[in-house]
Amino acid sequence: MASLFETLMLVCFGLSWPINGMKAYHARTAKGTSLPFLLLIIVGYVGGITAKILNGQLNYVLVVYLINLAIVLCNLAIYIRNCAIDRAEESRTAQNLA
């Protein structure tokens, strides 16, 4: 029963990440996105995955952890892309002012 509730929690968190990623992708800016927050979430999911493996709980909950981690890593990639876009835009703006 505990695994069911853990899965519910992970699914609820997991559904929010694709929405966040799409919003960030379309925004084309890293402004308003926190790198430390993303990294903390990644560490948390890695911790949850590690705990499942160490406890020998290789079940569907582990799969949900892995899917969530993959989605958050996609969000991290979008953040890195958006930082590059922000830097290019700042460079263009600086050249136009000069």
N, C-alpha and C. Protein backbone atom coordinates (compact mmCIF):
# COMPACT_ATOMS: atom_id res chain seq x y z
N MET A 1 0.83 -1.20 0.00
CA MET A 1 0.00 0.00 0.00
C MET A 1 0.87 1.27 0.00
N ALA A 2 1.99 1.24 0.73
CA ALA A 2 2.89 2.39 0.78
C ALA A 2 3.45 2.71 -0.60
N SER A 3 3.76 1.67 -1.37
CA SER A 3 4.28 1.88 -2.73
C SER A 3 3.25 2.58 -3.61
N LEU A 4 1.99 2.28 -3.40
CA LEU A 4 0.94 2.92 -4.18
C LEU A 4 0.90 4.42 -3.90
N PHE A 5 0.99 4.80 -2.63
CA PHE A 5 0.97 6.22 -2.27
C PHE A 5 2.26 6.92 -2.72
N GLU A 6 3.37 6.22 -2.65
CA GLU A 6 4.63 6.78 -3.14
C GLU A 6 4.52 7.04 -4.65
N THR A 7 3.93 6.10 -5.36
CA THR A 7 3.74 6.26 -6.79
C THR A 7 2.81 7.43 -7.09
N LEU A 8 1.75 7.58 -6.32
CA LEU A 8 0.84 8.71 -6.49
C LEU A 8 1.59 10.03 -6.34
N MET A 9 2.43 10.13 -5.32
CA MET A 9 3.22 11.33 -5.10
C MET A 9 4.14 11.58 -6.29
N LEU A 10 4.80 10.54 -6.77
CA LEU A 10 5.73 10.68 -7.89
C LEU A 10 5.01 11.06 -9.18
N VAL A 11 3.84 10.50 -9.40
CA VAL A 11 3.07 10.82 -10.61
C VAL A 11 2.62 12.29 -10.56
N CYS A 12 2.19 12.75 -9.40
CA CYS A 12 1.77 14.14 -9.28
C CYS A 12 2.94 15.09 -9.55
N PHE A 13 4.09 14.79 -8.95
CA PHE A 13 5.28 15.60 -9.23
C PHE A 13 5.67 15.47 -10.70
N GLY A 14 5.63 14.24 -11.19
CA GLY A 14 6.06 13.95 -12.55
C GLY A 14 5.23 14.65 -13.60
N LEU A 15 3.95 14.84 -13.36
CA LEU A 15 3.09 15.51 -14.34
C LEU A 15 3.41 17.00 -14.45
N SER A 16 3.94 17.57 -13.40
CA SER A 16 4.24 19.00 -13.44
C SER A 16 5.50 19.30 -14.24
N TRP A 17 6.43 18.37 -14.32
CA TRP A 17 7.71 18.64 -14.99
C TRP A 17 7.58 18.84 -16.49
N PRO A 18 6.81 18.04 -17.22
CA PRO A 18 6.66 18.31 -18.66
C PRO A 18 6.01 19.67 -18.93
N ILE A 19 5.07 20.05 -18.09
CA ILE A 19 4.42 21.36 -18.25
C ILE A 19 5.45 22.47 -18.06
N ASN A 20 6.27 22.32 -17.02
CA ASN A 20 7.31 23.30 -16.75
C ASN A 20 8.32 23.36 -17.89
N GLY A 21 8.69 22.20 -18.41
CA GLY A 21 9.66 22.14 -19.50
C GLY A 21 9.13 22.80 -20.77
N MET A 22 7.89 22.55 -21.10
CA MET A 22 7.30 23.15 -22.31
C MET A 22 7.21 24.67 -22.16
N LYS A 23 6.84 25.12 -20.98
CA LYS A 23 6.75 26.56 -20.73
C LYS A 23 8.13 27.21 -20.89
N ALA A 24 9.15 26.58 -20.32
CA ALA A 24 10.52 27.11 -20.41
C ALA A 24 11.02 27.05 -21.85
N TYR A 25 10.70 25.99 -22.56
CA TYR A 25 11.13 25.85 -23.95
C TYR A 25 10.55 26.96 -24.82
N HIS A 26 9.28 27.23 -24.66
CA HIS A 26 8.62 28.26 -25.45
C HIS A 26 9.03 29.67 -25.01
N ALA A 27 9.38 29.84 -23.74
CA ALA A 27 9.79 31.15 -23.25
C ALA A 27 11.15 31.57 -23.81
N ARG A 28 12.01 30.60 -24.11
CA ARG A 28 13.34 30.84 -24.67
C ARG A 28 14.19 31.75 -23.78
N THR A 29 14.00 31.65 -22.47
CA THR A 29 14.83 32.38 -21.52
C THR A 29 14.95 31.56 -20.24
N ALA A 30 16.11 31.71 -19.60
CA ALA A 30 16.33 31.02 -18.34
C ALA A 30 15.89 31.88 -17.15
N LYS A 31 15.48 33.09 -17.44
CA LYS A 31 15.03 33.98 -16.37
C LYS A 31 13.83 33.37 -15.68
N GLY A 32 13.87 33.35 -14.38
CA GLY A 32 12.78 32.77 -13.60
C GLY A 32 12.97 31.29 -13.31
N THR A 33 14.04 30.70 -13.85
CA THR A 33 14.32 29.29 -13.59
C THR A 33 15.52 29.20 -12.66
N SER A 34 15.43 28.34 -11.67
CA SER A 34 16.49 28.22 -10.67
C SER A 34 17.31 26.95 -10.92
N LEU A 35 18.59 27.12 -11.27
CA LEU A 35 19.48 25.98 -11.45
C LEU A 35 19.65 25.20 -10.14
N PRO A 36 19.88 25.87 -9.00
CA PRO A 36 20.01 25.10 -7.76
C PRO A 36 18.76 24.25 -7.46
N PHE A 37 17.58 24.77 -7.77
CA PHE A 37 16.35 24.02 -7.55
C PHE A 37 16.33 22.77 -8.42
N LEU A 38 16.63 22.92 -9.72
CA LEU A 38 16.66 21.76 -10.61
C LEU A 38 17.67 20.71 -10.12
N LEU A 39 18.85 21.18 -9.73
CA LEU A 39 19.88 20.24 -9.26
C LEU A 39 19.45 19.53 -7.98
N LEU A 40 18.78 20.25 -7.11
CA LEU A 40 18.29 19.65 -5.87
C LEU A 40 17.25 18.57 -6.16
N ILE A 41 16.37 18.83 -7.10
CA ILE A 41 15.37 17.83 -7.49
C ILE A 41 16.06 16.60 -8.08
N ILE A 42 17.06 16.82 -8.93
CA ILE A 42 17.80 15.70 -9.53
C ILE A 42 18.46 14.86 -8.45
N VAL A 43 19.10 15.51 -7.50
CA VAL A 43 19.75 14.78 -6.39
C VAL A 43 18.71 13.99 -5.60
N GLY A 44 17.55 14.58 -5.38
CA GLY A 44 16.48 13.90 -4.67
C GLY A 44 16.02 12.64 -5.39
N TYR A 45 15.81 12.75 -6.71
CA TYR A 45 15.40 11.57 -7.47
C TYR A 45 16.49 10.51 -7.49
N VAL A 46 17.75 10.93 -7.63
CA VAL A 46 18.86 9.96 -7.58
C VAL A 46 18.89 9.27 -6.22
N GLY A 47 18.64 10.03 -5.15
CA GLY A 47 18.57 9.44 -3.82
C GLY A 47 17.45 8.42 -3.70
N GLY A 48 16.28 8.75 -4.23
CA GLY A 48 15.15 7.83 -4.20
C GLY A 48 15.43 6.57 -4.99
N ILE A 49 16.05 6.73 -6.15
CA ILE A 49 16.41 5.57 -6.98
C ILE A 49 17.43 4.70 -6.27
N THR A 50 18.43 5.34 -5.68
CA THR A 50 19.46 4.60 -4.94
C THR A 50 18.86 3.83 -3.77
N ALA A 51 17.95 4.46 -3.05
CA ALA A 51 17.30 3.78 -1.92
C ALA A 51 16.53 2.55 -2.40
N LYS A 52 15.80 2.69 -3.50
CA LYS A 52 15.03 1.55 -4.04
C LYS A 52 15.97 0.41 -4.41
N ILE A 53 17.08 0.73 -5.06
CA ILE A 53 18.03 -0.31 -5.47
C ILE A 53 18.67 -0.97 -4.26
N LEU A 54 19.13 -0.16 -3.30
CA LEU A 54 19.78 -0.72 -2.11
C LEU A 54 18.84 -1.57 -1.27
N ASN A 55 17.56 -1.22 -1.26
CA ASN A 55 16.57 -2.00 -0.51
C ASN A 55 16.02 -3.18 -1.30
N GLY A 56 16.48 -3.32 -2.53
CA GLY A 56 16.01 -4.42 -3.36
C GLY A 56 14.56 -4.27 -3.80
N GLN A 57 14.06 -3.06 -3.81
CA GLN A 57 12.67 -2.79 -4.20
C GLN A 57 12.61 -2.45 -5.68
N LEU A 58 12.89 -3.42 -6.51
CA LEU A 58 12.91 -3.21 -7.94
C LEU A 58 11.51 -3.47 -8.49
N ASN A 59 10.67 -2.44 -8.39
CA ASN A 59 9.28 -2.56 -8.81
C ASN A 59 8.86 -1.37 -9.65
N TYR A 60 7.59 -1.21 -9.88
CA TYR A 60 7.07 -0.15 -10.73
C TYR A 60 7.38 1.24 -10.18
N VAL A 61 7.56 1.37 -8.88
CA VAL A 61 7.87 2.68 -8.31
C VAL A 61 9.23 3.16 -8.81
N LEU A 62 10.17 2.23 -8.92
CA LEU A 62 11.50 2.57 -9.43
C LEU A 62 11.39 3.11 -10.85
N VAL A 63 10.53 2.53 -11.65
CA VAL A 63 10.32 2.98 -13.03
C VAL A 63 9.81 4.42 -13.03
N VAL A 64 8.89 4.74 -12.13
CA VAL A 64 8.36 6.10 -12.06
C VAL A 64 9.46 7.08 -11.65
N TYR A 65 10.31 6.69 -10.71
CA TYR A 65 11.46 7.53 -10.34
C TYR A 65 12.33 7.79 -11.56
N LEU A 66 12.62 6.76 -12.34
CA LEU A 66 13.49 6.90 -13.51
C LEU A 66 12.87 7.80 -14.57
N ILE A 67 11.57 7.67 -14.78
CA ILE A 67 10.88 8.54 -15.75
C ILE A 67 10.94 9.99 -15.28
N ASN A 68 10.67 10.21 -14.00
CA ASN A 68 10.71 11.58 -13.47
C ASN A 68 12.11 12.16 -13.60
N LEU A 69 13.13 11.37 -13.29
CA LEU A 69 14.51 11.84 -13.41
C LEU A 69 14.81 12.22 -14.86
N ALA A 70 14.39 11.41 -15.80
CA ALA A 70 14.62 11.71 -17.21
C ALA A 70 13.95 13.02 -17.61
N ILE A 71 12.75 13.24 -17.13
CA ILE A 71 12.03 14.48 -17.47
C ILE A 71 12.71 15.69 -16.85
N VAL A 72 13.18 15.58 -15.61
CA VAL A 72 13.87 16.70 -14.97
C VAL A 72 15.20 16.96 -15.68
N LEU A 73 15.87 15.90 -16.13
CA LEU A 73 17.11 16.10 -16.90
C LEU A 73 16.82 16.83 -18.21
N CYS A 74 15.67 16.56 -18.82
CA CYS A 74 15.26 17.31 -20.01
C CYS A 74 15.05 18.78 -19.66
N ASN A 75 14.46 19.05 -18.50
CA ASN A 75 14.29 20.43 -18.03
C ASN A 75 15.65 21.10 -17.85
N LEU A 76 16.62 20.36 -17.33
CA LEU A 76 17.97 20.89 -17.17
C LEU A 76 18.57 21.23 -18.53
N ALA A 77 18.38 20.37 -19.51
CA ALA A 77 18.88 20.64 -20.86
C ALA A 77 18.23 21.88 -21.45
N ILE A 78 16.94 22.05 -21.22
CA ILE A 78 16.23 23.25 -21.69
C ILE A 78 16.78 24.49 -20.99
N TYR A 79 17.07 24.37 -19.70
CA TYR A 79 17.65 25.49 -18.95
C TYR A 79 19.00 25.89 -19.57
N ILE A 80 19.84 24.91 -19.88
CA ILE A 80 21.16 25.18 -20.47
C ILE A 80 20.98 25.85 -21.84
N ARG A 81 20.07 25.34 -22.63
CA ARG A 81 19.76 25.95 -23.94
C ARG A 81 19.30 27.39 -23.76
N ASN A 82 18.40 27.61 -22.81
CA ASN A 82 17.88 28.95 -22.60
C ASN A 82 18.95 29.91 -22.09
N CYS A 83 19.89 29.41 -21.30
CA CYS A 83 21.01 30.26 -20.85
C CYS A 83 21.84 30.71 -22.06
N ALA A 84 22.06 29.79 -23.01
CA ALA A 84 22.80 30.13 -24.22
C ALA A 84 22.05 31.18 -25.03
N ILE A 85 20.74 31.03 -25.13
CA ILE A 85 19.92 32.02 -25.84
C ILE A 85 20.01 33.38 -25.14
N ASP A 86 19.94 33.37 -23.80
CA ASP A 86 20.05 34.63 -23.04
C ASP A 86 21.40 35.30 -23.29
N ARG A 87 22.49 34.50 -23.27
CA ARG A 87 23.82 35.07 -23.49
C ARG A 87 23.93 35.66 -24.90
N ALA A 88 23.41 34.96 -25.90
CA ALA A 88 23.45 35.47 -27.27
C ALA A 88 22.66 36.76 -27.39
N GLU A 89 21.52 36.82 -26.75
CA GLU A 89 20.68 38.02 -26.79
C GLU A 89 21.39 39.19 -26.10
N GLU A 90 22.02 38.92 -24.96
CA GLU A 90 22.77 39.97 -24.25
C GLU A 90 23.93 40.47 -25.10
N SER A 91 24.59 39.56 -25.80
CA SER A 91 25.70 39.93 -26.68
C SER A 91 25.22 40.80 -27.83
N ARG A 92 24.10 40.42 -28.45
CA ARG A 92 23.52 41.22 -29.53
C ARG A 92 23.13 42.61 -29.04
N THR A 93 22.54 42.67 -27.86
CA THR A 93 22.12 43.95 -27.29
C THR A 93 23.34 44.83 -27.02
N ALA A 94 24.40 44.23 -26.47
CA ALA A 94 25.62 44.99 -26.18
C ALA A 94 26.26 45.51 -27.47
N GLN A 95 26.23 44.70 -28.53
CA GLN A 95 26.81 45.15 -29.81
C GLN A 95 25.97 46.28 -30.41
N ASN A 96 24.67 46.21 -30.25
CA ASN A 96 23.81 47.26 -30.79
C ASN A 96 23.98 48.58 -30.05
N LEU A 97 24.32 48.51 -28.76
CA LEU A 97 24.51 49.72 -27.96
C LEU A 97 25.87 50.36 -28.23
N ALA A 98 26.83 49.56 -28.70
CA ALA A 98 28.18 50.06 -28.91
C ALA A 98 28.34 50.84 -30.18
